C-alpha atoms as a PDB file:
ATOM      1  CA  MET A   1       6.359 -21.349 -19.274  1.00  0.00           C
ATOM      2  CA  GLY A   2       2.780 -22.461 -18.913  1.00  0.00           C
ATOM      3  CA  GLN A   3      -0.308 -20.336 -19.365  1.00  0.00           C
ATOM      4  CA  MET A   4      -3.396 -19.906 -17.222  1.00  0.00           C
ATOM      5  CA  THR A   5      -6.719 -18.157 -17.250  1.00  0.00           C
ATOM      6  CA  ALA A   6      -7.468 -15.041 -15.211  1.00  0.00           C
ATOM      7  CA  ASP A   7      -9.425 -17.064 -12.658  1.00  0.00           C
ATOM      8  CA  GLN A   8      -6.585 -19.558 -12.310  1.00  0.00           C
ATOM      9  CA  TYR A   9      -4.158 -16.668 -11.824  1.00  0.00           C
ATOM     10  CA  LEU A  10      -6.298 -15.196  -9.023  1.00  0.00           C
ATOM     11  CA  ASP A  11      -6.838 -18.647  -7.505  1.00  0.00           C
ATOM     12  CA  GLN A  12      -3.077 -19.141  -7.309  1.00  0.00           C
ATOM     13  CA  ILE A  13      -2.529 -15.764  -5.634  1.00  0.00           C
ATOM     14  CA  GLN A  14      -5.301 -16.481  -3.140  1.00  0.00           C
ATOM     15  CA  SER A  15      -4.027 -19.972  -2.365  1.00  0.00           C
ATOM     16  CA  LYS A  16      -0.437 -18.842  -1.752  1.00  0.00           C
ATOM     17  CA  LEU A  17      -1.613 -15.845   0.249  1.00  0.00           C
ATOM     18  CA  MET A  18      -3.754 -18.000   2.542  1.00  0.00           C
ATOM     19  CA  GLN A  19      -0.909 -20.500   2.943  1.00  0.00           C
ATOM     20  CA  THR A  20       1.556 -17.763   3.931  1.00  0.00           C
ATOM     21  CA  LEU A  21      -0.921 -16.035   6.249  1.00  0.00           C
ATOM     22  CA  THR A  22      -1.392 -19.329   8.064  1.00  0.00           C
ATOM     23  CA  GLU A  23       2.349 -19.968   8.295  1.00  0.00           C
ATOM     24  CA  LYS A  24       2.971 -16.430   9.618  1.00  0.00           C
ATOM     25  CA  LYS A  25      -0.066 -16.143  11.878  1.00  0.00           C
ATOM     26  CA  ASP A  26       2.071 -15.547  14.975  1.00  0.00           C
ATOM     27  CA  ALA A  27       3.452 -12.367  13.385  1.00  0.00           C
ATOM     28  CA  MET A  28      -0.001 -10.861  12.798  1.00  0.00           C
ATOM     29  CA  PRO A  29      -1.464  -8.179  15.100  1.00  0.00           C
ATOM     30  CA  PRO A  30      -4.233  -9.107  17.573  1.00  0.00           C
ATOM     31  CA  GLY A  31      -7.674  -9.524  16.016  1.00  0.00           C
ATOM     32  CA  PHE A  32      -6.351  -9.984  12.482  1.00  0.00           C
ATOM     33  CA  ASN A  33      -8.925 -11.572  10.141  1.00  0.00           C
ATOM     34  CA  GLN A  34      -6.972 -13.456   7.496  1.00  0.00           C
ATOM     35  CA  GLN A  35     -10.011 -14.547   5.456  1.00  0.00           C
ATOM     36  CA  ARG A  36     -11.260 -11.009   5.036  1.00  0.00           C
ATOM     37  CA  PHE A  37      -7.752  -9.736   4.318  1.00  0.00           C
ATOM     38  CA  ALA A  38      -7.167 -12.362   1.606  1.00  0.00           C
ATOM     39  CA  LEU A  39     -10.533 -11.610  -0.012  1.00  0.00           C
ATOM     40  CA  ASN A  40      -9.749  -7.894  -0.170  1.00  0.00           C
ATOM     41  CA  CYS A  41      -6.281  -8.542  -1.617  1.00  0.00           C
ATOM     42  CA  VAL A  42      -7.681 -10.698  -4.415  1.00  0.00           C
ATOM     43  CA  THR A  43     -10.268  -8.001  -5.163  1.00  0.00           C
ATOM     44  CA  VAL A  44      -7.487  -5.408  -5.487  1.00  0.00           C
ATOM     45  CA  ILE A  45      -5.581  -7.563  -7.980  1.00  0.00           C
ATOM     46  CA  ARG A  46      -8.777  -8.345  -9.907  1.00  0.00           C
ATOM     47  CA  ASP A  47      -9.497  -4.627 -10.250  1.00  0.00           C
ATOM     48  CA  MET A  48      -5.936  -3.924 -11.393  1.00  0.00           C
ATOM     49  CA  MET A  49      -6.420  -6.475 -14.171  1.00  0.00           C
ATOM     50  CA  LYS A  50      -9.362  -4.469 -15.545  1.00  0.00           C
ATOM     51  CA  ASP A  51      -7.095  -1.539 -16.388  1.00  0.00           C
ATOM     52  CA  ARG A  52      -4.854  -1.982 -19.440  1.00  0.00           C
ATOM     53  CA  LYS A  53      -1.811  -0.140 -18.085  1.00  0.00           C
ATOM     54  CA  LYS A  54      -1.984  -1.760 -14.658  1.00  0.00           C
ATOM     55  CA  LYS A  55      -2.470  -5.169 -16.268  1.00  0.00           C
ATOM     56  CA  GLU A  56       0.663  -4.614 -18.363  1.00  0.00           C
ATOM     57  CA  ASN A  57       2.609  -3.752 -15.200  1.00  0.00           C
ATOM     58  CA  LEU A  58       1.376  -6.949 -13.556  1.00  0.00           C
ATOM     59  CA  GLN A  59       2.898  -8.978 -16.396  1.00  0.00           C
ATOM     60  CA  THR A  60       6.368  -8.111 -15.078  1.00  0.00           C
ATOM     61  CA  VAL A  61       5.634  -9.163 -11.483  1.00  0.00           C
ATOM     62  CA  ASP A  62       6.099 -12.665 -10.086  1.00  0.00           C
ATOM     63  CA  ILE A  63       3.120 -14.048  -8.138  1.00  0.00           C
ATOM     64  CA  ASN A  64       5.410 -14.716  -5.178  1.00  0.00           C
ATOM     65  CA  SER A  65       6.353 -11.031  -5.104  1.00  0.00           C
ATOM     66  CA  ILE A  66       2.654 -10.089  -5.015  1.00  0.00           C
ATOM     67  CA  VAL A  67       2.074 -12.391  -2.036  1.00  0.00           C
ATOM     68  CA  LEU A  68       5.123 -11.150  -0.124  1.00  0.00           C
ATOM     69  CA  CYS A  69       4.059  -7.537  -0.702  1.00  0.00           C
ATOM     70  CA  MET A  70       0.564  -8.110   0.629  1.00  0.00           C
ATOM     71  CA  ILE A  71       1.798 -10.023   3.658  1.00  0.00           C
ATOM     72  CA  LYS A  72       3.570  -6.827   4.730  1.00  0.00           C
ATOM     73  CA  GLY A  73       0.213  -5.087   4.979  1.00  0.00           C
ATOM     74  CA  ALA A  74      -1.040  -7.960   7.118  1.00  0.00           C
ATOM     75  CA  TYR A  75       1.880  -7.627   9.546  1.00  0.00           C
ATOM     76  CA  LEU A  76       0.819  -4.032  10.254  1.00  0.00           C
ATOM     77  CA  GLY A  77      -2.924  -4.709  10.224  1.00  0.00           C
ATOM     78  CA  LEU A  78      -3.422  -2.484   7.158  1.00  0.00           C
ATOM     79  CA  ASP A  79      -5.891  -3.184   4.382  1.00  0.00           C
ATOM     80  CA  PHE A  80      -5.159  -2.669   0.680  1.00  0.00           C
ATOM     81  CA  LEU A  81      -8.811  -2.432  -0.376  1.00  0.00           C
ATOM     82  CA  ASN A  82      -9.515   0.284   2.186  1.00  0.00           C
ATOM     83  CA  GLY A  83      -6.657   2.432   0.883  1.00  0.00           C
ATOM     84  CA  GLU A  84      -4.516   2.109   4.020  1.00  0.00           C
ATOM     85  CA  CYS A  85      -1.648   0.709   1.938  1.00  0.00           C
ATOM     86  CA  TYR A  86      -0.889  -0.056  -1.697  1.00  0.00           C
ATOM     87  CA  ALA A  87       0.670  -2.748  -3.857  1.00  0.00           C
ATOM     88  CA  ILE A  88       2.612  -0.974  -6.607  1.00  0.00           C
ATOM     89  CA  PRO A  89       4.375  -2.775  -9.480  1.00  0.00           C
ATOM     90  CA  TYR A  90       7.888  -1.309  -9.578  1.00  0.00           C
ATOM     91  CA  LYS A  91      10.949  -2.609 -11.447  1.00  0.00           C
ATOM     92  CA  GLY A  92       9.505  -6.091 -11.801  1.00  0.00           C
ATOM     93  CA  GLU A  93       8.447  -6.444  -8.169  1.00  0.00           C
ATOM     94  CA  MET A  94       5.318  -5.613  -6.219  1.00  0.00           C
ATOM     95  CA  THR A  95       6.280  -2.817  -3.837  1.00  0.00           C
ATOM     96  CA  PHE A  96       4.516  -2.254  -0.519  1.00  0.00           C
ATOM     97  CA  GLN A  97       3.687   1.337   0.432  1.00  0.00           C
ATOM     98  CA  THR A  98       1.583   2.821   3.211  1.00  0.00           C
ATOM     99  CA  ASP A  99      -0.935   5.604   2.745  1.00  0.00           C
ATOM    100  CA  TYR A 100      -1.285   8.703   4.944  1.00  0.00           C
ATOM    101  CA  LYS A 101      -4.202   7.165   6.825  1.00  0.00           C
ATOM    102  CA  GLY A 102      -2.275   3.901   7.148  1.00  0.00           C
ATOM    103  CA  GLU A 103       0.561   5.823   8.816  1.00  0.00           C
ATOM    104  CA  ILE A 104      -1.917   7.263  11.313  1.00  0.00           C
ATOM    105  CA  LYS A 105      -3.426   3.835  12.001  1.00  0.00           C
ATOM    106  CA  VAL A 106      -0.008   2.298  12.712  1.00  0.00           C
ATOM    107  CA  CYS A 107       0.947   5.112  15.104  1.00  0.00           C
ATOM    108  CA  LYS A 108      -2.323   4.876  17.027  1.00  0.00           C
ATOM    109  CA  ARG A 109      -2.260   1.087  17.229  1.00  0.00           C
ATOM    110  CA  PHE A 110       1.374   0.573  18.208  1.00  0.00           C
ATOM    111  CA  SER A 111       2.223   3.662  20.293  1.00  0.00           C
ATOM    112  CA  ASN A 112       3.305   2.833  23.840  1.00  0.00           C
ATOM    113  CA  ASP A 113       1.753   6.128  24.993  1.00  0.00           C
ATOM    114  CA  PRO A 114      -2.002   6.408  24.294  1.00  0.00           C
ATOM    115  CA  ILE A 115      -2.656   8.807  21.418  1.00  0.00           C
ATOM    116  CA  LYS A 116      -5.735  11.026  21.422  1.00  0.00           C
ATOM    117  CA  ASP A 117      -5.229  12.326  17.896  1.00  0.00           C
ATOM    118  CA  ILE A 118      -2.598  12.486  15.181  1.00  0.00           C
ATOM    119  CA  TYR A 119      -2.796  14.411  11.919  1.00  0.00           C
ATOM    120  CA  ALA A 120      -0.838  16.297   9.280  1.00  0.00           C
ATOM    121  CA  LYS A 121      -1.633  19.487   7.376  1.00  0.00           C
ATOM    122  CA  VAL A 122      -0.150  21.233   4.361  1.00  0.00           C
ATOM    123  CA  VAL A 123       0.687  24.940   4.675  1.00  0.00           C
ATOM    124  CA  ARG A 124      -0.080  27.109   1.656  1.00  0.00           C
ATOM    125  CA  LYS A 125       1.109  30.567   0.718  1.00  0.00           C
ATOM    126  CA  GLY A 126      -0.871  33.097   2.760  1.00  0.00           C
ATOM    127  CA  ASP A 127      -1.716  30.728   5.641  1.00  0.00           C
ATOM    128  CA  ALA A 128      -0.839  31.860   9.190  1.00  0.00           C
ATOM    129  CA  TYR A 129       1.608  29.345  10.660  1.00  0.00           C
ATOM    130  CA  ASP A 130       3.716  29.799  13.801  1.00  0.00           C
ATOM    131  CA  GLU A 131       5.659  27.305  15.902  1.00  0.00           C
ATOM    132  CA  GLY A 132       7.920  27.605  18.919  1.00  0.00           C
ATOM    133  CA  VAL A 133       8.508  26.850  22.592  1.00  0.00           C
ATOM    134  CA  GLU A 134       6.825  28.720  25.449  1.00  0.00           C
ATOM    135  CA  GLY A 135       7.718  27.930  29.048  1.00  0.00           C
ATOM    136  CA  GLY A 136       9.455  24.766  27.928  1.00  0.00           C
ATOM    137  CA  ALA A 137       6.349  23.465  26.114  1.00  0.00           C
ATOM    138  CA  GLN A 138       6.003  23.116  22.359  1.00  0.00           C
ATOM    139  CA  VAL A 139       3.444  25.477  20.858  1.00  0.00           C
ATOM    140  CA  LEU A 140       2.045  25.477  17.348  1.00  0.00           C
ATOM    141  CA  ASN A 141      -0.570  27.798  15.840  1.00  0.00           C
ATOM    142  CA  PHE A 142      -2.080  27.367  12.406  1.00  0.00           C
ATOM    143  CA  LYS A 143      -4.829  29.317  10.664  1.00  0.00           C
ATOM    144  CA  PRO A 144      -5.251  28.437   6.990  1.00  0.00           C
ATOM    145  CA  VAL A 145      -6.932  30.592   4.403  1.00  0.00           C
ATOM    146  CA  PRO A 146     -10.270  28.830   3.768  1.00  0.00           C
ATOM    147  CA  PHE A 147     -10.426  26.806   0.536  1.00  0.00           C
ATOM    148  CA  SER A 148      -7.062  28.151  -0.612  1.00  0.00           C
ATOM    149  CA  ASN A 149      -5.517  26.762  -3.794  1.00  0.00           C
ATOM    150  CA  GLU A 150      -2.260  28.655  -3.386  1.00  0.00           C
ATOM    151  CA  GLU A 151       1.015  26.785  -3.747  1.00  0.00           C
ATOM    152  CA  ILE A 152       2.120  24.499  -0.929  1.00  0.00           C
ATOM    153  CA  ILE A 153       5.060  25.939   1.028  1.00  0.00           C
ATOM    154  CA  GLY A 154       5.366  23.235   3.680  1.00  0.00           C
ATOM    155  CA  ALA A 155       3.642  20.678   5.869  1.00  0.00           C
ATOM    156  CA  PHE A 156       3.498  19.756   9.549  1.00  0.00           C
ATOM    157  CA  ALA A 157       2.302  16.851  11.656  1.00  0.00           C
ATOM    158  CA  VAL A 158       1.066  16.775  15.250  1.00  0.00           C
ATOM    159  CA  VAL A 159       0.531  13.966  17.721  1.00  0.00           C
ATOM    160  CA  MET A 160      -1.679  14.723  20.743  1.00  0.00           C
ATOM    161  CA  TYR A 161      -1.336  12.281  23.612  1.00  0.00           C
ATOM    162  CA  ALA A 162      -4.093  11.340  26.041  1.00  0.00           C
ATOM    163  CA  ASP A 163      -2.260  13.204  28.838  1.00  0.00           C
ATOM    164  CA  GLY A 164      -2.526  16.503  26.928  1.00  0.00           C
ATOM    165  CA  THR A 165       1.077  16.754  25.739  1.00  0.00           C
ATOM    166  CA  ILE A 166       1.950  17.136  22.070  1.00  0.00           C
ATOM    167  CA  LYS A 167       4.809  16.514  19.706  1.00  0.00           C
ATOM    168  CA  TYR A 168       5.090  17.962  16.227  1.00  0.00           C
ATOM    169  CA  ASP A 169       7.414  18.142  13.244  1.00  0.00           C
ATOM    170  CA  SER A 170       7.433  20.399  10.197  1.00  0.00           C
ATOM    171  CA  MET A 171       9.070  20.403   6.788  1.00  0.00           C
ATOM    172  CA  SER A 172       9.374  23.079   4.139  1.00  0.00           C
ATOM    173  CA  VAL A 173       8.331  22.116   0.628  1.00  0.00           C
ATOM    174  CA  GLU A 174      12.014  22.258  -0.321  1.00  0.00           C
ATOM    175  CA  GLU A 175      12.809  19.655   2.344  1.00  0.00           C
ATOM    176  CA  ILE A 176       9.956  17.465   1.124  1.00  0.00           C
ATOM    177  CA  ARG A 177      11.058  17.669  -2.506  1.00  0.00           C
ATOM    178  CA  HIS A 178      14.655  16.929  -1.524  1.00  0.00           C
ATOM    179  CA  THR A 179      13.509  13.855   0.415  1.00  0.00           C
ATOM    180  CA  LYS A 180      11.414  12.730  -2.546  1.00  0.00           C
ATOM    181  CA  ASP A 181      14.146  13.268  -5.157  1.00  0.00           C
ATOM    182  CA  THR A 182      16.920  11.757  -3.038  1.00  0.00           C
ATOM    183  CA  TYR A 183      15.268   8.842  -1.262  1.00  0.00           C
ATOM    184  CA  SER A 184      11.921   8.011  -2.872  1.00  0.00           C
ATOM    185  CA  LYS A 185      11.723   4.603  -4.554  1.00  0.00           C
ATOM    186  CA  ALA A 186       9.382   6.128  -7.159  1.00  0.00           C
ATOM    187  CA  ALA A 187       9.971   9.884  -7.234  1.00  0.00           C
ATOM    188  CA  ASN A 188       8.064  10.260 -10.507  1.00  0.00           C
ATOM    189  CA  SER A 189       5.114   8.083  -9.522  1.00  0.00           C
ATOM    190  CA  GLN A 190       1.478   8.982 -10.052  1.00  0.00           C
ATOM    191  CA  ALA A 191       1.132   9.529  -6.305  1.00  0.00           C
ATOM    192  CA  TRP A 192       3.684  12.360  -6.310  1.00  0.00           C
ATOM    193  CA  ARG A 193       2.339  13.820  -9.573  1.00  0.00           C
ATOM    194  CA  ASP A 194      -1.381  13.742  -8.818  1.00  0.00           C
ATOM    195  CA  SER A 195      -1.572  13.746  -5.010  1.00  0.00           C
ATOM    196  CA  PHE A 196       1.354  15.934  -3.981  1.00  0.00           C
ATOM    197  CA  GLY A 197      -0.444  17.348  -0.931  1.00  0.00           C
ATOM    198  CA  GLU A 198      -1.229  13.878   0.417  1.00  0.00           C
ATOM    199  CA  MET A 199       2.355  12.776  -0.147  1.00  0.00           C
ATOM    200  CA  CYS A 200       3.591  15.882   1.703  1.00  0.00           C
ATOM    201  CA  LYS A 201       1.435  14.916   4.682  1.00  0.00           C
ATOM    202  CA  LYS A 202       2.599  11.320   4.565  1.00  0.00           C
ATOM    203  CA  THR A 203       6.254  12.398   4.421  1.00  0.00           C
ATOM    204  CA  VAL A 204       6.059  14.689   7.443  1.00  0.00           C
ATOM    205  CA  ILE A 205       3.953  12.285   9.508  1.00  0.00           C
ATOM    206  CA  ARG A 206       6.460   9.505   8.766  1.00  0.00           C
ATOM    207  CA  ARG A 207       9.229  11.767  10.099  1.00  0.00           C
ATOM    208  CA  LEU A 208       7.123  12.583  13.163  1.00  0.00           C
ATOM    209  CA  SER A 209       6.707   8.859  13.820  1.00  0.00           C
ATOM    210  CA  LYS A 210      10.437   8.722  14.604  1.00  0.00           C
ATOM    211  CA  LEU A 211       9.573  10.721  17.742  1.00  0.00           C
ATOM    212  CA  ILE A 212       6.751   8.362  18.730  1.00  0.00           C
ATOM    213  CA  ASP A 213       7.584   5.342  20.865  1.00  0.00           C
ATOM    214  CA  LEU A 214       6.158   2.600  18.642  1.00  0.00           C
ATOM    215  CA  ASN A 215       6.009  -0.922  20.012  1.00  0.00           C
ATOM    216  CA  LEU A 216       6.702  -2.884  16.824  1.00  0.00           C
ATOM    217  CA  ASP A 217       7.771  -5.992  18.711  1.00  0.00           C
ATOM    218  CA  LYS A 218       8.208  -8.360  15.773  1.00  0.00           C
ATOM    219  CA  VAL A 219      10.911  -8.155  13.136  1.00  0.00           C
ATOM    220  CA  GLU A 220       8.316  -8.681  10.395  1.00  0.00           C
ATOM    221  CA  MET A 221       6.419  -5.581  11.562  1.00  0.00           C
ATOM    222  CA  ILE A 222       9.573  -3.482  11.716  1.00  0.00           C
ATOM    223  CA  LYS A 223      10.696  -4.446   8.202  1.00  0.00           C
ATOM    224  CA  ALA A 224       7.216  -3.926   6.736  1.00  0.00           C
ATOM    225  CA  TYR A 225       6.915  -0.485   8.347  1.00  0.00           C
ATOM    226  CA  GLU A 226      10.349   0.570   7.103  1.00  0.00           C
ATOM    227  CA  GLU A 227       9.585  -0.518   3.549  1.00  0.00           C
ATOM    228  CA  GLY A 228       6.128   1.041   3.588  1.00  0.00           C
ATOM    229  CA  SER A 229       7.560   4.551   3.804  1.00  0.00           C
ATOM    230  CA  GLY A 230       8.301   4.502   0.086  1.00  0.00           C
ATOM    231  CA  PHE A 231      11.752   5.902   0.829  1.00  0.00           C
ATOM    232  CA  GLU A 232      15.026   4.054   0.570  1.00  0.00           C
ATOM    233  CA  PHE A 233      17.725   5.423   2.836  1.00  0.00           C
ATOM    234  CA  GLU A 234      20.093   2.472   2.436  1.00  0.00           C
ATOM    235  CA  ASN A 235      21.471   0.511  -0.511  1.00  0.00           C
ATOM    236  CA  GLN A 236      20.740   3.358  -2.897  1.00  0.00           C
ATOM    237  CA  GLN A 237      22.967   1.669  -5.490  1.00  0.00           C
ATOM    238  CA  ILE A 238      19.992  -0.539  -6.410  1.00  0.00           C
ATOM    239  CA  SER A 239      18.929   1.921  -9.095  1.00  0.00           C
ATOM    240  CA  GLY A 240      22.426   1.803 -10.633  1.00  0.00           C
ATOM    241  CA  GLY A 241      23.911  -1.180 -12.396  1.00  0.00           C
ATOM    242  CA  SER A 242      22.777  -3.869  -9.973  1.00  0.00           C
ATOM    243  CA  THR A 243      19.746  -6.028 -10.592  1.00  0.00           C
ATOM    244  CA  ARG A 244      17.028  -7.248  -8.237  1.00  0.00           C
ATOM    245  CA  GLN A 245      15.855 -10.829  -8.134  1.00  0.00           C
ATOM    246  CA  ALA A 246      12.155 -11.492  -7.888  1.00  0.00           C
ATOM    247  CA  ALA A 247      11.026 -12.406  -4.383  1.00  0.00           C
ATOM    248  CA  GLN A 248      10.420 -16.134  -3.966  1.00  0.00           C
ATOM    249  CA  LEU A 249       8.431 -18.265  -1.576  1.00  0.00           C
ATOM    250  CA  PRO A 250       9.972 -21.645  -0.687  1.00  0.00           C
ATOM    251  CA  GLY A 251       8.854 -24.536  -2.866  1.00  0.00           C
ATOM    252  CA  THR A 252       6.776 -22.550  -5.359  1.00  0.00           C
ATOM    253  CA  GLU A 253       6.570 -22.860  -9.121  1.00  0.00           C
ATOM    254  CA  ASN A 254       7.449 -20.220 -11.690  1.00  0.00           C
ATOM    255  CA  VAL A 255       4.721 -17.719 -12.429  1.00  0.00           C
ATOM    256  CA  VAL A 256       2.679 -18.467 -15.527  1.00  0.00           C
ATOM    257  CA  ASP A 257       1.254 -16.055 -18.048  1.00  0.00           C
ATOM    258  CA  ALA A 258      -2.314 -15.011 -17.264  1.00  0.00           C
ATOM    259  CA  PHE A 259      -2.211 -12.165 -19.758  1.00  0.00           C
ATOM    260  CA  ALA A 260      -1.199 -13.698 -23.093  1.00  0.00           C
ATOM    261  CA  PRO A 261      -3.776 -13.292 -25.903  1.00  0.00           C
ATOM    262  CA  GLY A 262      -6.035 -16.229 -26.679  1.00  0.00           C
ATOM    263  CA  GLN A 263      -9.210 -17.886 -25.468  1.00  0.00           C
ATOM    264  CA  THR A 264     -10.034 -19.005 -21.929  1.00  0.00           C
ATOM    265  CA  THR A 265     -10.272 -22.728 -21.237  1.00  0.00           C
ATOM    266  CA  GLY A 266     -12.472 -22.600 -18.170  1.00  0.00           C
ATOM    267  CA  GLN A 267     -10.199 -25.116 -16.412  1.00  0.00           C
ATOM    268  CA  LYS A 268      -9.745 -24.751 -12.662  1.00  0.00           C
ATOM    269  CA  THR A 269      -6.423 -26.647 -12.272  1.00  0.00           C
ATOM    270  CA  LEU A 270      -3.050 -26.139 -13.923  1.00  0.00           C
ATOM    271  CA  GLU A 271      -1.624 -28.828 -16.200  1.00  0.00           C
ATOM    272  CA  GLN A 272       1.880 -29.401 -17.513  1.00  0.00           C
ATOM    273  CA  LYS A 273       0.999 -28.595 -21.111  1.00  0.00           C
ATOM    274  CA  PRO A 274       0.290 -24.935 -22.039  1.00  0.00           C
ATOM    275  CA  GLN A 275      -3.346 -23.919 -21.962  1.00  0.00           C
ATOM    276  CA  PRO A 276      -4.998 -21.235 -24.124  1.00  0.00           C
ATOM    277  CA  ALA A 277      -4.720 -17.990 -22.219  1.00  0.00           C
ATOM    278  CA  VAL A 278      -7.475 -15.593 -21.337  1.00  0.00           C
ATOM    279  CA  THR A 279      -8.192 -12.420 -23.258  1.00  0.00           C
ATOM    280  CA  PRO A 280      -9.093  -9.156 -21.513  1.00  0.00           C
ATOM    281  CA  GLN A 281     -12.694  -9.693 -22.587  1.00  0.00           C
ATOM    282  CA  ASP A 282     -12.794 -12.969 -20.691  1.00  0.00           C
ATOM    283  CA  PHE A 283     -12.075 -11.406 -17.309  1.00  0.00           C
ATOM    284  CA  ARG A 284     -15.056 -11.482 -15.005  1.00  0.00           C
ATOM    285  CA  GLN A 285     -16.886  -8.226 -15.549  1.00  0.00           C
ATOM    286  CA  ALA A 286     -17.965  -5.852 -12.798  1.00  0.00           C
ATOM    287  CA  PRO A 287     -19.902  -2.586 -12.605  1.00  0.00           C
ATOM    288  CA  GLU A 288     -17.868   0.441 -13.680  1.00  0.00           C
ATOM    289  CA  ARG A 289     -16.265   2.458 -10.907  1.00  0.00           C
ATOM    290  CA  GLU A 290     -13.191   4.552 -10.225  1.00  0.00           C
ATOM    291  CA  PRO A 291     -10.051   2.560 -11.198  1.00  0.00           C
ATOM    292  CA  ILE A 292      -7.726   1.633  -8.350  1.00  0.00           C
ATOM    293  CA  ALA A 293      -3.954   1.811  -8.536  1.00  0.00           C
ATOM    294  CA  GLU A 294      -1.296   3.680  -6.673  1.00  0.00           C
ATOM    295  CA  GLU A 295      -3.399   5.677  -4.250  1.00  0.00           C
ATOM    296  CA  ILE A 296      -7.000   5.387  -3.151  1.00  0.00           C
ATOM    297  CA  PRO A 297      -9.083   2.214  -3.519  1.00  0.00           C
ATOM    298  CA  PRO A 298     -12.705   1.832  -2.318  1.00  0.00           C
ATOM    299  CA  GLN A 299     -14.029   0.751   1.080  1.00  0.00           C
ATOM    300  CA  TYR A 300     -14.011  -2.630   2.776  1.00  0.00           C
ATOM    301  CA  TYR A 301     -16.316  -5.377   1.741  1.00  0.00           C
ATOM    302  CA  PRO A 302     -18.573  -6.515   4.564  1.00  0.00           C
ATOM    303  CA  GLU A 303     -18.239 -10.266   3.905  1.00  0.00           C
ATOM    304  CA  GLU A 304     -16.436 -12.081   6.674  1.00  0.00           C
ATOM    305  CA  GLU A 305     -16.366 -15.534   5.079  1.00  0.00           C
ATOM    306  CA  PHE A 306     -13.572 -16.645   2.782  1.00  0.00           C
ATOM    307  CA  MET A 307     -14.520 -16.641  -0.886  1.00  0.00           C
ATOM    308  CA  SER A 308     -12.797 -17.857  -4.010  1.00  0.00           C
ATOM    309  CA  PRO A 309     -12.729 -15.516  -7.046  1.00  0.00           C
ATOM    310  CA  ASP A 310     -15.557 -17.505  -8.660  1.00  0.00           C
ATOM    311  CA  ASP A 311     -17.819 -16.771  -5.681  1.00  0.00           C
ATOM    312  CA  TYR A 312     -18.040 -13.006  -6.261  1.00  0.00           C
ATOM    313  CA  PRO A 313     -21.620 -11.968  -7.054  1.00  0.00           C
ATOM    314  CA  ASP A 314     -21.608 -10.256 -10.469  1.00  0.00           C
ATOM    315  CA  ASP A 315     -23.624  -7.360  -9.097  1.00  0.00           C
ATOM    316  CA  GLU A 316     -21.388  -6.821  -6.038  1.00  0.00           C
ATOM    317  CA  MET A 317     -17.917  -6.706  -7.527  1.00  0.00           C
ATOM    318  CA  PRO A 318     -16.186  -3.901  -6.051  1.00  0.00           C
ATOM    319  CA  TRP A 319      -5.783   2.672  -6.592  1.00  0.00           C
ATOM    320  CA  LYS A 320      -5.552   5.550  -8.040  1.00  0.00           C
END
């Protein structure tokens, strides 16, 4: 297996991502900006490489799997850098997962019936919550205790259509935990441990989406949206004795080691013979900020033009 520097590693991801975006352009939503999307994806991976634990997780993931994961965000028009979806290393593959606000964006964009608003709330002990049907119409009333830190007892989600009608769904915390423990691909992930309330909202809004008439008219969109839930309702035997093969793109090489200890060569092209690998100190440095990982990365970059990793200004370098 060959070795490459950090910049070569990012260059390869960017090159394969741009190639696949071009090949799959007909499956992208209207107005999709592939240059900006690719730039943001490379920034996300660069930031992951700055964190020791995340960098170790990346060692187990094939570059092709990273590209295929990020393409799924493109199919739905979701952005990794803006925290609308996440790329999570899991069992040797890069797993695609939507965020709560990504769920809302998909529903608003692809609903056949115009949506005025859609949201989810957690219900805590002591909050006033009542739901029912009056005169054949669904009615829901909610009055939370201000700034309450009491335990979460449930969550609900509401979609308000432009014509004034609503649909809602609700789940007790027991239902949410059962769904997590039974179907989640990563039931013990940092997202569930550190952002339980957000995951409760995402879970109930994903169930509400089953009641929304979504016009996902391409098979790529449908598959990406199903995987993005973070739940696996079929083929649950995967976690048993079976093994997963790394995702592959046609005609690509094996991934090379961008993380092995050594010194960087500064070369921009791969050669057949092994090259000294980069050390963590050789990664392009950026101003300190909140690390990004499984949950909430920073905001979009304003640049519209396509940039290679070497083109990032040192003072503008931008998940949890």
